[in-house]
Amino acid sequence: IKPGPYPWKNHRNAWRPAHIHFSLFGSAFTQRLVTQMYFPNDPLFALDPIYQSIVDPAARERLKSVYDHDLSVPEWAMGYRWDIVLTGGKATWMEPEEGDHA
């Protein structure tokens, strides 16, 4: 189910773009990575401080899913494709851990 944008009261009339959080766990509960998948062409991207905090435009683009007509189910669901890349120069942006200022 595609979520809608939601107000988050960060400032007057503040809305987050539609997105889904993904939480990935390693071999222990303390090994956790969190990221967000966005949907293409959301008009709120330019207004969202979290999305805008990612300074690399290519990294921002990698957070957007892509509509995939072949994944869509007729008269039932639209399909989107999005890959999570864990390592390397094109790794998916992950939310910093608590206390991590990098």
PDB file of N, CA and C in Angstrom:
ATOM      1  N   ILE A   1       0.850  -1.171   0.000  1.00  0.00           N
ATOM      2  CA  ILE A   1       0.000   0.000   0.000  1.00  0.00           C
ATOM      3  C   ILE A   1       0.892   1.229   0.000  1.00  0.00           C
ATOM      4  N   LYS A   2       0.646   2.103  -0.943  1.00  0.00           N
ATOM      5  CA  LYS A   2       1.425   3.343  -1.018  1.00  0.00           C
ATOM      6  C   LYS A   2       0.921   4.311   0.041  1.00  0.00           C
ATOM      7  N   PRO A   3       1.813   4.752   0.917  1.00  0.00           N
ATOM      8  CA  PRO A   3       1.389   5.716   1.940  1.00  0.00           C
ATOM      9  C   PRO A   3       1.211   7.101   1.342  1.00  0.00           C
ATOM     10  N   GLY A   4       0.572   7.950   2.082  1.00  0.00           N
ATOM     11  CA  GLY A   4       0.444   9.341   1.679  1.00  0.00           C
ATOM     12  C   GLY A   4       1.402  10.203   2.480  1.00  0.00           C
ATOM     13  N   PRO A   5       1.547  11.463   2.110  1.00  0.00           N
ATOM     14  CA  PRO A   5       2.357  12.377   2.916  1.00  0.00           C
ATOM     15  C   PRO A   5       1.673  12.577   4.267  1.00  0.00           C
ATOM     16  N   TYR A   6       2.458  12.999   5.265  1.00  0.00           N
ATOM     17  CA  TYR A   6       1.853  13.243   6.570  1.00  0.00           C
ATOM     18  C   TYR A   6       2.458  14.491   7.204  1.00  0.00           C
ATOM     19  N   PRO A   7       1.662  15.183   8.016  1.00  0.00           N
ATOM     20  CA  PRO A   7       2.185  16.364   8.709  1.00  0.00           C
ATOM     21  C   PRO A   7       3.085  15.917   9.848  1.00  0.00           C
ATOM     22  N   TRP A   8       4.154  16.673  10.086  1.00  0.00           N
ATOM     23  CA  TRP A   8       5.052  16.271  11.174  1.00  0.00           C
ATOM     24  C   TRP A   8       5.402  17.401  12.113  1.00  0.00           C
ATOM     25  N   LYS A   9       4.768  18.537  11.974  1.00  0.00           N
ATOM     26  CA  LYS A   9       4.845  19.643  12.931  1.00  0.00           C
ATOM     27  C   LYS A   9       6.268  20.130  13.202  1.00  0.00           C
ATOM     28  N   ASN A  10       7.169  19.935  12.248  1.00  0.00           N
ATOM     29  CA  ASN A  10       8.527  20.463  12.385  1.00  0.00           C
ATOM     30  C   ASN A  10       8.517  21.982  12.257  1.00  0.00           C
ATOM     31  N   HIS A  11       7.593  22.492  11.459  1.00  0.00           N
ATOM     32  CA  HIS A  11       7.341  23.917  11.322  1.00  0.00           C
ATOM     33  C   HIS A  11       5.921  24.061  10.785  1.00  0.00           C
ATOM     34  N   ARG A  12       5.447  25.263  10.630  1.00  0.00           N
ATOM     35  CA  ARG A  12       4.073  25.488  10.168  1.00  0.00           C
ATOM     36  C   ARG A  12       3.862  24.858   8.784  1.00  0.00           C
ATOM     37  N   ASN A  13       2.832  24.069   8.665  1.00  0.00           N
ATOM     38  CA  ASN A  13       2.436  23.438   7.403  1.00  0.00           C
ATOM     39  C   ASN A  13       3.535  22.514   6.852  1.00  0.00           C
ATOM     40  N   ALA A  14       4.220  21.795   7.729  1.00  0.00           N
ATOM     41  CA  ALA A  14       5.293  20.869   7.328  1.00  0.00           C
ATOM     42  C   ALA A  14       4.710  19.493   7.034  1.00  0.00           C
ATOM     43  N   TRP A  15       5.097  18.928   5.893  1.00  0.00           N
ATOM     44  CA  TRP A  15       4.639  17.602   5.476  1.00  0.00           C
ATOM     45  C   TRP A  15       5.838  16.783   5.024  1.00  0.00           C
ATOM     46  N   ARG A  16       5.854  15.505   5.349  1.00  0.00           N
ATOM     47  CA  ARG A  16       6.868  14.581   4.837  1.00  0.00           C
ATOM     48  C   ARG A  16       6.360  13.996   3.524  1.00  0.00           C
ATOM     49  N   PRO A  17       7.249  13.811   2.539  1.00  0.00           N
ATOM     50  CA  PRO A  17       6.840  13.133   1.315  1.00  0.00           C
ATOM     51  C   PRO A  17       6.416  11.694   1.628  1.00  0.00           C
ATOM     52  N   ALA A  18       5.606  11.117   0.777  1.00  0.00           N
ATOM     53  CA  ALA A  18       5.216   9.711   0.937  1.00  0.00           C
ATOM     54  C   ALA A  18       6.478   8.848   0.915  1.00  0.00           C
ATOM     55  N   HIS A  19       6.611   7.974   1.907  1.00  0.00           N
ATOM     56  CA  HIS A  19       7.793   7.114   1.973  1.00  0.00           C
ATOM     57  C   HIS A  19       7.496   5.892   2.835  1.00  0.00           C
ATOM     58  N   ILE A  20       8.359   4.897   2.721  1.00  0.00           N
ATOM     59  CA  ILE A  20       8.287   3.693   3.541  1.00  0.00           C
ATOM     60  C   ILE A  20       9.643   3.512   4.200  1.00  0.00           C
ATOM     61  N   HIS A  21       9.644   3.280   5.504  1.00  0.00           N
ATOM     62  CA  HIS A  21      10.881   3.005   6.234  1.00  0.00           C
ATOM     63  C   HIS A  21      11.223   1.524   6.102  1.00  0.00           C
ATOM     64  N   PHE A  22      12.510   1.250   5.934  1.00  0.00           N
ATOM     65  CA  PHE A  22      13.010  -0.122   5.934  1.00  0.00           C
ATOM     66  C   PHE A  22      14.030  -0.243   7.052  1.00  0.00           C
ATOM     67  N   SER A  23      13.909  -1.272   7.853  1.00  0.00           N
ATOM     68  CA  SER A  23      14.817  -1.538   8.953  1.00  0.00           C
ATOM     69  C   SER A  23      15.463  -2.899   8.697  1.00  0.00           C
ATOM     70  N   LEU A  24      16.790  -2.900   8.557  1.00  0.00           N
ATOM     71  CA  LEU A  24      17.537  -4.123   8.254  1.00  0.00           C
ATOM     72  C   LEU A  24      18.369  -4.516   9.464  1.00  0.00           C
ATOM     73  N   PHE A  25      18.287  -5.778   9.834  1.00  0.00           N
ATOM     74  CA  PHE A  25      19.058  -6.272  10.976  1.00  0.00           C
ATOM     75  C   PHE A  25      20.155  -7.208  10.503  1.00  0.00           C
ATOM     76  N   GLY A  26      21.309  -7.127  11.166  1.00  0.00           N
ATOM     77  CA  GLY A  26      22.426  -8.025  10.887  1.00  0.00           C
ATOM     78  C   GLY A  26      22.305  -9.277  11.736  1.00  0.00           C
ATOM     79  N   SER A  27      23.435  -9.805  12.164  1.00  0.00           N
ATOM     80  CA  SER A  27      23.428 -11.037  12.944  1.00  0.00           C
ATOM     81  C   SER A  27      23.052 -10.797  14.404  1.00  0.00           C
ATOM     82  N   ALA A  28      22.968  -9.557  14.828  1.00  0.00           N
ATOM     83  CA  ALA A  28      22.560  -9.224  16.190  1.00  0.00           C
ATOM     84  C   ALA A  28      21.566  -8.071  16.143  1.00  0.00           C
ATOM     85  N   PHE A  29      20.726  -7.968  17.156  1.00  0.00           N
ATOM     86  CA  PHE A  29      19.717  -6.915  17.207  1.00  0.00           C
ATOM     87  C   PHE A  29      20.341  -5.526  17.164  1.00  0.00           C
ATOM     88  N   THR A  30      21.568  -5.412  17.675  1.00  0.00           N
ATOM     89  CA  THR A  30      22.250  -4.119  17.692  1.00  0.00           C
ATOM     90  C   THR A  30      22.813  -3.721  16.331  1.00  0.00           C
ATOM     91  N   GLN A  31      22.840  -4.647  15.387  1.00  0.00           N
ATOM     92  CA  GLN A  31      23.292  -4.342  14.026  1.00  0.00           C
ATOM     93  C   GLN A  31      22.053  -4.003  13.191  1.00  0.00           C
ATOM     94  N   ARG A  32      21.717  -2.730  13.168  1.00  0.00           N
ATOM     95  CA  ARG A  32      20.499  -2.297  12.502  1.00  0.00           C
ATOM     96  C   ARG A  32      20.788  -1.120  11.581  1.00  0.00           C
ATOM     97  N   LEU A  33      20.270  -1.186  10.362  1.00  0.00           N
ATOM     98  CA  LEU A  33      20.346  -0.091   9.399  1.00  0.00           C
ATOM     99  C   LEU A  33      18.922   0.322   9.068  1.00  0.00           C
ATOM    100  N   VAL A  34      18.676   1.627   8.997  1.00  0.00           N
ATOM    101  CA  VAL A  34      17.350   2.148   8.679  1.00  0.00           C
ATOM    102  C   VAL A  34      17.477   3.084   7.490  1.00  0.00           C
ATOM    103  N   THR A  35      16.581   2.943   6.522  1.00  0.00           N
ATOM    104  CA  THR A  35      16.556   3.830   5.369  1.00  0.00           C
ATOM    105  C   THR A  35      15.102   4.101   4.994  1.00  0.00           C
ATOM    106  N   GLN A  36      14.910   4.932   3.994  1.00  0.00           N
ATOM    107  CA  GLN A  36      13.570   5.281   3.537  1.00  0.00           C
ATOM    108  C   GLN A  36      13.508   5.157   2.022  1.00  0.00           C
ATOM    109  N   MET A  37      12.393   4.626   1.526  1.00  0.00           N
ATOM    110  CA  MET A  37      12.138   4.547   0.093  1.00  0.00           C
ATOM    111  C   MET A  37      11.045   5.563  -0.231  1.00  0.00           C
ATOM    112  N   TYR A  38      11.329   6.416  -1.205  1.00  0.00           N
ATOM    113  CA  TYR A  38      10.373   7.431  -1.632  1.00  0.00           C
ATOM    114  C   TYR A  38       9.758   7.029  -2.972  1.00  0.00           C
ATOM    115  N   PHE A  39       8.694   7.705  -3.332  1.00  0.00           N
ATOM    116  CA  PHE A  39       8.022   7.472  -4.603  1.00  0.00           C
ATOM    117  C   PHE A  39       8.363   8.614  -5.561  1.00  0.00           C
ATOM    118  N   PRO A  40       8.450   8.324  -6.854  1.00  0.00           N
ATOM    119  CA  PRO A  40       8.897   9.346  -7.813  1.00  0.00           C
ATOM    120  C   PRO A  40       7.945  10.542  -7.892  1.00  0.00           C
ATOM    121  N   ASN A  41       8.534  11.669  -8.242  1.00  0.00           N
ATOM    122  CA  ASN A  41       7.799  12.906  -8.570  1.00  0.00           C
ATOM    123  C   ASN A  41       6.981  13.489  -7.424  1.00  0.00           C
ATOM    124  N   ASP A  42       7.413  13.285  -6.198  1.00  0.00           N
ATOM    125  CA  ASP A  42       6.679  13.841  -5.067  1.00  0.00           C
ATOM    126  C   ASP A  42       6.971  15.341  -4.972  1.00  0.00           C
ATOM    127  N   PRO A  43       5.949  16.183  -4.931  1.00  0.00           N
ATOM    128  CA  PRO A  43       6.186  17.632  -4.882  1.00  0.00           C
ATOM    129  C   PRO A  43       6.778  18.107  -3.556  1.00  0.00           C
ATOM    130  N   LEU A  44       6.825  17.237  -2.549  1.00  0.00           N
ATOM    131  CA  LEU A  44       7.328  17.646  -1.236  1.00  0.00           C
ATOM    132  C   LEU A  44       8.829  17.439  -1.065  1.00  0.00           C
ATOM    133  N   PHE A  45       9.509  16.841  -2.038  1.00  0.00           N
ATOM    134  CA  PHE A  45      10.956  16.616  -1.911  1.00  0.00           C
ATOM    135  C   PHE A  45      11.705  17.909  -1.589  1.00  0.00           C
ATOM    136  N   ALA A  46      11.397  18.970  -2.299  1.00  0.00           N
ATOM    137  CA  ALA A  46      12.131  20.232  -2.130  1.00  0.00           C
ATOM    138  C   ALA A  46      11.893  20.865  -0.765  1.00  0.00           C
ATOM    139  N   LEU A  47      10.827  20.476  -0.078  1.00  0.00           N
ATOM    140  CA  LEU A  47      10.478  21.070   1.208  1.00  0.00           C
ATOM    141  C   LEU A  47      10.855  20.199   2.401  1.00  0.00           C
ATOM    142  N   ASP A  48      11.354  19.008   2.149  1.00  0.00           N
ATOM    143  CA  ASP A  48      11.613  18.059   3.235  1.00  0.00           C
ATOM    144  C   ASP A  48      13.055  18.142   3.724  1.00  0.00           C
ATOM    145  N   PRO A  49      13.284  18.600   4.963  1.00  0.00           N
ATOM    146  CA  PRO A  49      14.655  18.744   5.450  1.00  0.00           C
ATOM    147  C   PRO A  49      15.406  17.416   5.561  1.00  0.00           C
ATOM    148  N   ILE A  50      14.708  16.326   5.812  1.00  0.00           N
ATOM    149  CA  ILE A  50      15.390  15.028   5.905  1.00  0.00           C
ATOM    150  C   ILE A  50      15.902  14.621   4.529  1.00  0.00           C
ATOM    151  N   TYR A  51      15.048  14.676   3.527  1.00  0.00           N
ATOM    152  CA  TYR A  51      15.462  14.351   2.152  1.00  0.00           C
ATOM    153  C   TYR A  51      16.556  15.310   1.684  1.00  0.00           C
ATOM    154  N   GLN A  52      16.401  16.588   1.972  1.00  0.00           N
ATOM    155  CA  GLN A  52      17.372  17.589   1.545  1.00  0.00           C
ATOM    156  C   GLN A  52      18.692  17.508   2.304  1.00  0.00           C
ATOM    157  N   SER A  53      18.701  16.839   3.467  1.00  0.00           N
ATOM    158  CA  SER A  53      19.950  16.715   4.232  1.00  0.00           C
ATOM    159  C   SER A  53      20.951  15.789   3.543  1.00  0.00           C
ATOM    160  N   ILE A  54      20.487  15.024   2.572  1.00  0.00           N
ATOM    161  CA  ILE A  54      21.383  14.159   1.801  1.00  0.00           C
ATOM    162  C   ILE A  54      21.977  15.034   0.699  1.00  0.00           C
ATOM    163  N   VAL A  55      23.245  15.395   0.848  1.00  0.00           N
ATOM    164  CA  VAL A  55      23.839  16.403  -0.029  1.00  0.00           C
ATOM    165  C   VAL A  55      24.160  15.878  -1.421  1.00  0.00           C
ATOM    166  N   ASP A  56      24.367  14.589  -1.580  1.00  0.00           N
ATOM    167  CA  ASP A  56      24.698  14.011  -2.886  1.00  0.00           C
ATOM    168  C   ASP A  56      23.407  13.766  -3.674  1.00  0.00           C
ATOM    169  N   PRO A  57      23.193  14.518  -4.773  1.00  0.00           N
ATOM    170  CA  PRO A  57      21.965  14.342  -5.561  1.00  0.00           C
ATOM    171  C   PRO A  57      21.772  12.908  -6.067  1.00  0.00           C
ATOM    172  N   ALA A  58      22.858  12.221  -6.401  1.00  0.00           N
ATOM    173  CA  ALA A  58      22.743  10.835  -6.874  1.00  0.00           C
ATOM    174  C   ALA A  58      22.260   9.923  -5.745  1.00  0.00           C
ATOM    175  N   ALA A  59      22.720  10.165  -4.531  1.00  0.00           N
ATOM    176  CA  ALA A  59      22.265   9.377  -3.383  1.00  0.00           C
ATOM    177  C   ALA A  59      20.781   9.607  -3.131  1.00  0.00           C
ATOM    178  N   ARG A  60      20.334  10.850  -3.292  1.00  0.00           N
ATOM    179  CA  ARG A  60      18.900  11.148  -3.152  1.00  0.00           C
ATOM    180  C   ARG A  60      18.088  10.389  -4.192  1.00  0.00           C
ATOM    181  N   GLU A  61      18.565  10.404  -5.423  1.00  0.00           N
ATOM    182  CA  GLU A  61      17.846   9.707  -6.497  1.00  0.00           C
ATOM    183  C   GLU A  61      17.728   8.211  -6.228  1.00  0.00           C
ATOM    184  N   ARG A  62      18.758   7.631  -5.604  1.00  0.00           N
ATOM    185  CA  ARG A  62      18.727   6.194  -5.310  1.00  0.00           C
ATOM    186  C   ARG A  62      17.701   5.843  -4.239  1.00  0.00           C
ATOM    187  N   LEU A  63      17.178   6.838  -3.524  1.00  0.00           N
ATOM    188  CA  LEU A  63      16.133   6.583  -2.546  1.00  0.00           C
ATOM    189  C   LEU A  63      14.740   6.550  -3.162  1.00  0.00           C
ATOM    190  N   LYS A  64      14.640   6.948  -4.421  1.00  0.00           N
ATOM    191  CA  LYS A  64      13.343   6.961  -5.103  1.00  0.00           C
ATOM    192  C   LYS A  64      13.095   5.624  -5.802  1.00  0.00           C
ATOM    193  N   SER A  65      11.909   5.101  -5.602  1.00  0.00           N
ATOM    194  CA  SER A  65      11.518   3.893  -6.322  1.00  0.00           C
ATOM    195  C   SER A  65      11.177   4.269  -7.771  1.00  0.00           C
ATOM    196  N   VAL A  66      11.030   3.262  -8.599  1.00  0.00           N
ATOM    197  CA  VAL A  66      10.698   3.465 -10.010  1.00  0.00           C
ATOM    198  C   VAL A  66       9.441   2.656 -10.319  1.00  0.00           C
ATOM    199  N   TYR A  67       8.475   3.293 -10.941  1.00  0.00           N
ATOM    200  CA  TYR A  67       7.269   2.565 -11.338  1.00  0.00           C
ATOM    201  C   TYR A  67       7.653   1.460 -12.311  1.00  0.00           C
ATOM    202  N   ASP A  68       7.129   0.259 -12.080  1.00  0.00           N
ATOM    203  CA  ASP A  68       7.417  -0.893 -12.951  1.00  0.00           C
ATOM    204  C   ASP A  68       6.092  -1.528 -13.353  1.00  0.00           C
ATOM    205  N   HIS A  69       5.685  -1.250 -14.584  1.00  0.00           N
ATOM    206  CA  HIS A  69       4.395  -1.729 -15.064  1.00  0.00           C
ATOM    207  C   HIS A  69       4.310  -3.259 -15.036  1.00  0.00           C
ATOM    208  N   ASP A  70       5.431  -3.938 -15.261  1.00  0.00           N
ATOM    209  CA  ASP A  70       5.426  -5.406 -15.247  1.00  0.00           C
ATOM    210  C   ASP A  70       5.176  -5.971 -13.849  1.00  0.00           C
ATOM    211  N   LEU A  71       5.466  -5.207 -12.812  1.00  0.00           N
ATOM    212  CA  LEU A  71       5.185  -5.645 -11.439  1.00  0.00           C
ATOM    213  C   LEU A  71       3.758  -5.316 -11.004  1.00  0.00           C
ATOM    214  N   SER A  72       3.098  -4.445 -11.751  1.00  0.00           N
ATOM    215  CA  SER A  72       1.737  -4.057 -11.405  1.00  0.00           C
ATOM    216  C   SER A  72       0.778  -5.226 -11.639  1.00  0.00           C
ATOM    217  N   VAL A  73      -0.250  -5.293 -10.810  1.00  0.00           N
ATOM    218  CA  VAL A  73      -1.275  -6.324 -10.928  1.00  0.00           C
ATOM    219  C   VAL A  73      -2.520  -5.639 -11.474  1.00  0.00           C
ATOM    220  N   PRO A  74      -3.001  -6.052 -12.656  1.00  0.00           N
ATOM    221  CA  PRO A  74      -4.142  -5.371 -13.277  1.00  0.00           C
ATOM    222  C   PRO A  74      -5.319  -5.194 -12.312  1.00  0.00           C
ATOM    223  N   GLU A  75      -5.812  -3.968 -12.270  1.00  0.00           N
ATOM    224  CA  GLU A  75      -6.976  -3.592 -11.475  1.00  0.00           C
ATOM    225  C   GLU A  75      -6.813  -3.872  -9.980  1.00  0.00           C
ATOM    226  N   TRP A  76      -5.566  -3.997  -9.513  1.00  0.00           N
ATOM    227  CA  TRP A  76      -5.359  -4.297  -8.109  1.00  0.00           C
ATOM    228  C   TRP A  76      -4.238  -3.457  -7.479  1.00  0.00           C
ATOM    229  N   ALA A  77      -3.046  -3.448  -8.095  1.00  0.00           N
ATOM    230  CA  ALA A  77      -1.922  -2.772  -7.450  1.00  0.00           C
ATOM    231  C   ALA A  77      -0.906  -2.289  -8.473  1.00  0.00           C
ATOM    232  N   MET A  78      -0.384  -1.088  -8.235  1.00  0.00           N
ATOM    233  CA  MET A  78       0.723  -0.572  -9.040  1.00  0.00           C
ATOM    234  C   MET A  78       2.026  -1.105  -8.443  1.00  0.00           C
ATOM    235  N   GLY A  79       2.981  -1.428  -9.305  1.00  0.00           N
ATOM    236  CA  GLY A  79       4.243  -1.983  -8.836  1.00  0.00           C
ATOM    237  C   GLY A  79       5.386  -0.986  -8.938  1.00  0.00           C
ATOM    238  N   TYR A  80       6.250  -0.994  -7.937  1.00  0.00           N
ATOM    239  CA  TYR A  80       7.435  -0.146  -7.914  1.00  0.00           C
ATOM    240  C   TYR A  80       8.653  -1.013  -7.635  1.00  0.00           C
ATOM    241  N   ARG A  81       9.783  -0.633  -8.200  1.00  0.00           N
ATOM    242  CA  ARG A  81      11.030  -1.362  -7.990  1.00  0.00           C
ATOM    243  C   ARG A  81      11.995  -0.431  -7.245  1.00  0.00           C
ATOM    244  N   TRP A  82      12.678  -1.017  -6.259  1.00  0.00           N
ATOM    245  CA  TRP A  82      13.659  -0.264  -5.487  1.00  0.00           C
ATOM    246  C   TRP A  82      14.652  -1.246  -4.896  1.00  0.00           C
ATOM    247  N   ASP A  83      15.917  -0.968  -5.063  1.00  0.00           N
ATOM    248  CA  ASP A  83      16.969  -1.849  -4.563  1.00  0.00           C
ATOM    249  C   ASP A  83      17.678  -1.199  -3.383  1.00  0.00           C
ATOM    250  N   ILE A  84      18.017  -2.007  -2.391  1.00  0.00           N
ATOM    251  CA  ILE A  84      18.858  -1.572  -1.283  1.00  0.00           C
ATOM    252  C   ILE A  84      20.257  -2.100  -1.563  1.00  0.00           C
ATOM    253  N   VAL A  85      21.238  -1.196  -1.602  1.00  0.00           N
ATOM    254  CA  VAL A  85      22.638  -1.565  -1.823  1.00  0.00           C
ATOM    255  C   VAL A  85      23.371  -1.308  -0.507  1.00  0.00           C
ATOM    256  N   LEU A  86      23.991  -2.349   0.044  1.00  0.00           N
ATOM    257  CA  LEU A  86      24.582  -2.232   1.379  1.00  0.00           C
ATOM    258  C   LEU A  86      25.996  -1.670   1.401  1.00  0.00           C
ATOM    259  N   THR A  87      26.777  -1.890   0.358  1.00  0.00           N
ATOM    260  CA  THR A  87      28.169  -1.439   0.381  1.00  0.00           C
ATOM    261  C   THR A  87      28.559  -0.811  -0.944  1.00  0.00           C
ATOM    262  N   GLY A  88      29.704  -0.129  -0.940  1.00  0.00           N
ATOM    263  CA  GLY A  88      30.246   0.441  -2.169  1.00  0.00           C
ATOM    264  C   GLY A  88      29.840   1.883  -2.375  1.00  0.00           C
ATOM    265  N   GLY A  89      30.313   2.441  -3.465  1.00  0.00           N
ATOM    266  CA  GLY A  89      30.086   3.844  -3.789  1.00  0.00           C
ATOM    267  C   GLY A  89      28.644   4.187  -4.078  1.00  0.00           C
ATOM    268  N   LYS A  90      27.829   3.196  -4.403  1.00  0.00           N
ATOM    269  CA  LYS A  90      26.416   3.446  -4.686  1.00  0.00           C
ATOM    270  C   LYS A  90      25.517   2.834  -3.620  1.00  0.00           C
ATOM    271  N   ALA A  91      26.058   2.739  -2.395  1.00  0.00           N
ATOM    272  CA  ALA A  91      25.277   2.191  -1.290  1.00  0.00           C
ATOM    273  C   ALA A  91      24.077   3.094  -1.000  1.00  0.00           C
ATOM    274  N   THR A  92      22.999   2.491  -0.599  1.00  0.00           N
ATOM    275  CA  THR A  92      21.791   3.212  -0.224  1.00  0.00           C
ATOM    276  C   THR A  92      22.068   4.045   1.031  1.00  0.00           C
ATOM    277  N   TRP A  93      21.610   5.287   1.032  1.00  0.00           N
ATOM    278  CA  TRP A  93      21.766   6.147   2.196  1.00  0.00           C
ATOM    279  C   TRP A  93      21.023   5.528   3.373  1.00  0.00           C
ATOM    280  N   MET A  94      21.660   5.522   4.534  1.00  0.00           N
ATOM    281  CA  MET A  94      21.051   5.008   5.761  1.00  0.00           C
ATOM    282  C   MET A  94      20.997   6.131   6.788  1.00  0.00           C
ATOM    283  N   GLU A  95      19.978   6.104   7.623  1.00  0.00           N
ATOM    284  CA  GLU A  95      19.862   7.090   8.687  1.00  0.00           C
ATOM    285  C   GLU A  95      21.012   6.904   9.659  1.00  0.00           C
ATOM    286  N   PRO A  96      21.622   7.993  10.132  1.00  0.00           N
ATOM    287  CA  PRO A  96      22.702   7.866  11.102  1.00  0.00           C
ATOM    288  C   PRO A  96      22.183   7.256  12.400  1.00  0.00           C
ATOM    289  N   GLU A  97      23.057   6.480  13.057  1.00  0.00           N
ATOM    290  CA  GLU A  97      22.689   5.903  14.343  1.00  0.00           C
ATOM    291  C   GLU A  97      22.689   6.986  15.395  1.00  0.00           C
ATOM    292  N   GLU A  98      21.996   6.739  16.496  1.00  0.00           N
ATOM    293  CA  GLU A  98      21.988   7.677  17.623  1.00  0.00           C
ATOM    294  C   GLU A  98      23.425   7.985  18.025  1.00  0.00           C
ATOM    295  N   GLY A  99      23.767   9.234  18.161  1.00  0.00           N
ATOM    296  CA  GLY A  99      25.097   9.630  18.585  1.00  0.00           C
ATOM    297  C   GLY A  99      26.120   9.648  17.471  1.00  0.00           C
ATOM    298  N   ASP A 100      25.751   9.185  16.272  1.00  0.00           N
ATOM    299  CA  ASP A 100      26.676   9.174  15.127  1.00  0.00           C
ATOM    300  C   ASP A 100      26.551  10.510  14.415  1.00  0.00           C
ATOM    301  N   HIS A 101      27.633  11.257  14.390  1.00  0.00           N
ATOM    302  CA  HIS A 101      27.607  12.586  13.768  1.00  0.00           C
ATOM    303  C   HIS A 101      28.312  12.614  12.425  1.00  0.00           C
ATOM    304  N   ALA A 102      28.559  11.464  11.836  1.00  0.00           N
ATOM    305  CA  ALA A 102      29.268  11.395  10.559  1.00  0.00           C
ATOM    306  C   ALA A 102      28.340  11.633   9.407  1.00  0.00           C
TER     307      ALA A 102
END
